Amino acid sequence: MFFDLNYLIWIAPAMLLAMWAQMKVHAAYAAAKEEPAPLSGAAAARHILNSAGLSFVDIEETPGHLTDHYDPRGKVLRLSSENFRGRSLAAVGIAAHEAGHAIQDAQSYAPLVVRNAAVPVANFGGGISMTLLILGLFLHIAPLFWAGILLFSGVVFFQLVNLPVEFDASNRAKRRLVELGIVPAQEMGHVNKVLNAAAWTYVAGTLQSVLTLLYYVSLAQGGSRDDA
């Protein structure tokens, strides 16, 4: 049901966008890794955080490829080894983006506050919605199916509110890198390409969730008409 031809047709635009975005990310990141930067990613993040009065935010190295993230609960910015140690425009760009999230957190940036509040709902909805959708479909229990749709809507809401959070973090990163002299304005091209390409991956993921939700709704409405 969830991976039939109709479903693939529904989400095809999102899948195509995701493949394009991933290619853009890999190409932009590979090119930016070849461009030297005056600081490592960790040093750039530290400079940005300190300039914003966030010296208490720790920076840690974490394993994996592009596993960089900011943990608002622990107030820790974690960078993958290649970006923690790397002295490239790719490393400082991604490190600055994650530092942007830390600044959002410190300033109680409204979309971030909403996103963080939605995390438990999204986690719960993502975990149980598929079970309810499957049971509702195969047992022909419409209220159960609609309950699954409602819970999956929480996941979609989380992803929608996450978009402005990610775009804002990238804008903060670009601005801080130039203002602090880490990357001259005329050399920001590679950083912009990396962060812009990464943003498109979030757009693609959100679009897929929205289209999946619409697909479920279409199934529910079709079932309702059949029962009438």
Protein backbone atom coordinates (compact mmCIF):
# COMPACT_ATOMS: atom_id res chain seq x y z
CA MET A 1 0.00 0.00 0.00
CA PHE A 2 2.64 2.48 1.04
CA PHE A 3 5.06 1.61 -1.75
CA ASP A 4 2.67 0.84 -4.56
CA LEU A 5 2.82 2.51 -7.94
CA ASN A 6 0.28 5.16 -6.99
CA TYR A 7 2.35 6.15 -3.97
CA LEU A 8 5.50 6.43 -6.08
CA ILE A 9 3.63 8.63 -8.54
CA TRP A 10 2.44 10.87 -5.71
CA ILE A 11 5.92 11.43 -4.28
CA ALA A 12 7.84 11.41 -7.59
CA PRO A 13 8.40 15.20 -7.59
CA ALA A 14 9.91 15.03 -4.10
CA MET A 15 12.11 12.05 -5.02
CA LEU A 16 13.46 13.84 -8.09
CA LEU A 17 14.11 16.99 -6.07
CA ALA A 18 15.88 14.96 -3.36
CA MET A 19 18.16 13.25 -5.88
CA TRP A 20 19.01 16.60 -7.47
CA ALA A 21 19.66 18.18 -4.05
CA GLN A 22 21.92 15.32 -2.95
CA MET A 23 23.97 15.65 -6.13
CA LYS A 24 24.25 19.39 -5.53
CA VAL A 25 25.36 18.85 -1.93
CA HIS A 26 28.05 16.33 -2.85
CA ALA A 27 29.35 18.47 -5.72
CA ALA A 28 29.34 21.70 -3.72
CA TYR A 29 30.90 20.09 -0.65
CA ALA A 30 33.65 18.39 -2.68
CA ALA A 31 34.52 21.66 -4.40
CA ALA A 32 34.47 23.68 -1.17
CA LYS A 33 36.72 21.13 0.57
CA GLU A 34 39.45 22.04 -1.91
CA GLU A 35 39.29 25.73 -1.00
CA PRO A 36 41.46 26.63 2.02
CA ALA A 37 40.19 28.62 5.00
CA PRO A 38 42.22 30.45 7.66
CA LEU A 39 40.60 28.48 10.49
CA SER A 40 39.45 24.95 11.10
CA GLY A 41 35.74 24.34 11.38
CA ALA A 42 36.04 24.00 15.16
CA ALA A 43 38.01 27.24 15.46
CA ALA A 44 35.56 29.10 13.24
CA ALA A 45 32.61 27.86 15.30
CA ARG A 46 34.39 28.83 18.51
CA HIS A 47 35.06 32.33 17.18
CA ILE A 48 31.43 32.78 16.12
CA LEU A 49 30.05 31.46 19.41
CA ASN A 50 32.39 33.60 21.52
CA SER A 51 31.51 36.70 19.52
CA ALA A 52 27.85 36.03 20.35
CA GLY A 53 28.60 35.61 24.07
CA LEU A 54 28.18 31.83 23.93
CA SER A 55 31.53 30.73 25.30
CA PHE A 56 29.68 28.20 27.46
CA VAL A 57 28.59 26.21 24.40
CA ASP A 58 30.98 23.30 23.96
CA ILE A 59 32.26 22.04 20.61
CA GLU A 60 32.87 18.33 20.22
CA GLU A 61 34.14 16.07 17.47
CA THR A 62 31.69 13.36 16.41
CA PRO A 63 32.21 10.39 14.07
CA GLY A 64 30.57 10.02 10.68
CA HIS A 65 30.24 11.97 7.46
CA LEU A 66 28.23 15.22 7.63
CA THR A 67 26.88 14.27 11.06
CA ASP A 68 27.26 17.89 12.22
CA HIS A 69 24.51 19.15 14.53
CA TYR A 70 23.72 21.36 17.51
CA ASP A 71 22.26 19.75 20.63
CA PRO A 72 20.04 22.35 22.37
CA ARG A 73 19.59 20.19 25.45
CA GLY A 74 23.28 19.73 26.17
CA LYS A 75 24.29 23.09 24.68
CA VAL A 76 26.87 21.27 22.59
CA LEU A 77 27.84 21.80 18.98
CA ARG A 78 29.06 18.56 17.41
CA LEU A 79 31.09 18.53 14.22
CA SER A 80 32.11 15.54 12.10
CA SER A 81 35.86 14.94 12.10
CA GLU A 82 36.40 16.31 8.60
CA ASN A 83 34.67 19.56 9.52
CA PHE A 84 35.99 19.75 13.10
CA ARG A 85 39.60 19.52 11.94
CA GLY A 86 39.34 20.63 8.33
CA ARG A 87 40.61 24.06 7.27
CA SER A 88 38.41 24.47 4.22
CA LEU A 89 35.50 26.65 3.15
CA ALA A 90 33.29 23.57 3.42
CA ALA A 91 34.30 23.00 7.04
CA VAL A 92 33.89 26.60 8.20
CA GLY A 93 30.60 26.97 6.31
CA ILE A 94 28.98 23.95 7.94
CA ALA A 95 30.46 24.78 11.34
CA ALA A 96 29.08 28.33 11.06
CA HIS A 97 25.65 26.94 10.17
CA GLU A 98 25.58 24.83 13.33
CA ALA A 99 26.81 27.81 15.35
CA GLY A 100 23.86 29.68 13.88
CA HIS A 101 21.55 27.15 15.54
CA ALA A 102 23.25 27.77 18.88
CA ILE A 103 22.70 31.51 18.48
CA GLN A 104 19.04 30.88 17.60
CA ASP A 105 18.71 28.83 20.77
CA ALA A 106 20.31 31.54 22.92
CA GLN A 107 18.02 34.20 21.43
CA SER A 108 14.89 32.02 21.70
CA TYR A 109 14.30 32.30 17.97
CA ALA A 110 10.55 31.66 17.70
CA PRO A 111 10.51 28.99 14.92
CA LEU A 112 13.24 27.07 16.79
CA VAL A 113 11.21 27.20 20.02
CA VAL A 114 8.18 25.85 18.15
CA ARG A 115 10.29 23.17 16.44
CA ASN A 116 11.82 21.99 19.70
CA ALA A 117 8.39 21.86 21.32
CA ALA A 118 7.13 19.77 18.39
CA VAL A 119 9.92 17.18 18.65
CA PRO A 120 8.11 14.86 21.12
CA VAL A 121 4.92 15.00 19.05
CA ALA A 122 6.82 14.31 15.83
CA ASN A 123 8.77 11.43 17.37
CA PHE A 124 5.62 9.85 18.79
CA GLY A 125 3.64 10.42 15.60
CA GLY A 126 6.40 9.08 13.39
CA GLY A 127 6.68 5.93 15.46
CA ILE A 128 3.03 4.95 15.76
CA SER A 129 1.35 6.53 12.73
CA MET A 130 2.42 3.77 10.32
CA THR A 131 1.04 1.10 12.64
CA LEU A 132 -2.32 2.83 12.84
CA LEU A 133 -2.42 3.44 9.09
CA ILE A 134 -1.69 -0.21 8.29
CA LEU A 135 -4.16 -1.54 10.86
CA GLY A 136 -6.81 0.93 9.78
CA LEU A 137 -6.41 -0.03 6.14
CA PHE A 138 -6.35 -3.81 6.48
CA LEU A 139 -8.98 -3.99 9.22
CA HIS A 140 -11.16 -1.46 7.38
CA ILE A 141 -11.42 0.75 10.46
CA ALA A 142 -11.65 4.29 9.14
CA PRO A 143 -11.25 6.08 12.53
CA LEU A 144 -8.00 4.17 13.09
CA PHE A 145 -6.72 5.20 9.67
CA TRP A 146 -7.64 8.84 10.28
CA ALA A 147 -5.89 8.67 13.66
CA GLY A 148 -2.73 7.58 11.83
CA ILE A 149 -3.12 10.50 9.45
CA LEU A 150 -3.52 12.90 12.37
CA LEU A 151 -0.35 11.62 14.04
CA PHE A 152 1.60 11.74 10.78
CA SER A 153 0.46 15.35 10.43
CA GLY A 154 2.61 16.09 13.48
CA VAL A 155 5.66 14.90 11.55
CA VAL A 156 4.74 17.11 8.61
CA PHE A 157 4.23 20.10 10.89
CA PHE A 158 7.66 19.56 12.42
CA GLN A 159 9.31 19.52 9.01
CA LEU A 160 7.43 22.60 7.83
CA VAL A 161 8.45 24.64 10.87
CA ASN A 162 12.01 23.33 10.53
CA LEU A 163 12.47 25.00 7.13
CA PRO A 164 12.70 28.61 8.40
CA VAL A 165 14.99 27.38 11.20
CA GLU A 166 17.46 25.92 8.70
CA PHE A 167 17.30 28.87 6.29
CA ASP A 168 17.82 31.34 9.12
CA ALA A 169 20.80 29.39 10.50
CA SER A 170 22.44 29.50 7.06
CA ASN A 171 21.80 33.23 6.72
CA ARG A 172 23.32 33.83 10.15
CA ALA A 173 26.33 31.70 9.19
CA LYS A 174 26.98 33.61 5.98
CA ARG A 175 26.67 36.95 7.75
CA ARG A 176 28.93 36.01 10.68
CA LEU A 177 31.66 34.53 8.49
CA VAL A 178 31.98 37.81 6.62
CA GLU A 179 31.51 40.13 9.62
CA LEU A 180 34.19 38.33 11.64
CA GLY A 181 36.61 38.20 8.71
CA ILE A 182 36.74 34.41 8.66
CA VAL A 183 35.83 34.35 4.96
CA PRO A 184 36.12 37.47 2.78
CA ALA A 185 32.89 38.44 1.03
CA GLN A 186 34.43 37.81 -2.40
CA GLU A 187 35.29 34.22 -1.41
CA MET A 188 31.85 33.27 -0.08
CA GLY A 189 30.74 31.62 -3.32
CA HIS A 190 31.67 28.09 -2.28
CA VAL A 191 30.16 28.51 1.20
CA ASN A 192 26.93 29.79 -0.32
CA LYS A 193 26.73 26.83 -2.68
CA VAL A 194 27.20 24.30 0.12
CA LEU A 195 24.62 25.86 2.42
CA ASN A 196 22.11 26.52 -0.36
CA ALA A 197 22.38 22.93 -1.62
CA ALA A 198 21.91 21.60 1.92
CA ALA A 199 18.78 23.75 2.27
CA TRP A 200 17.27 22.08 -0.79
CA THR A 201 17.60 18.67 0.90
CA TYR A 202 15.33 19.95 3.69
CA VAL A 203 12.87 21.27 1.12
CA ALA A 204 12.83 17.90 -0.63
CA GLY A 205 12.28 16.00 2.61
CA THR A 206 9.45 18.30 3.61
CA LEU A 207 7.83 18.03 0.19
CA GLN A 208 7.92 14.24 0.39
CA SER A 209 6.21 14.28 3.78
CA VAL A 210 3.52 16.68 2.56
CA LEU A 211 2.85 14.60 -0.55
CA THR A 212 2.79 11.40 1.53
CA LEU A 213 0.24 12.97 3.86
CA LEU A 214 -1.92 14.00 0.90
CA TYR A 215 -1.66 10.44 -0.43
CA TYR A 216 -2.95 9.03 2.86
CA VAL A 217 -5.79 11.54 2.90
CA SER A 218 -6.73 10.55 -0.66
CA LEU A 219 -6.86 6.89 0.42
CA ALA A 220 -9.03 7.72 3.39
CA GLN A 221 -11.43 9.78 1.29
CA GLY A 222 -11.57 7.03 -1.33
CA GLY A 223 -12.45 4.51 1.37
CA SER A 224 -15.14 6.81 2.73
CA ARG A 225 -16.74 7.09 -0.72
CA ASP A 226 -16.63 3.29 -1.14
CA ASP A 227 -18.44 2.84 2.17
CA ALA A 228 -21.12 5.35 1.26
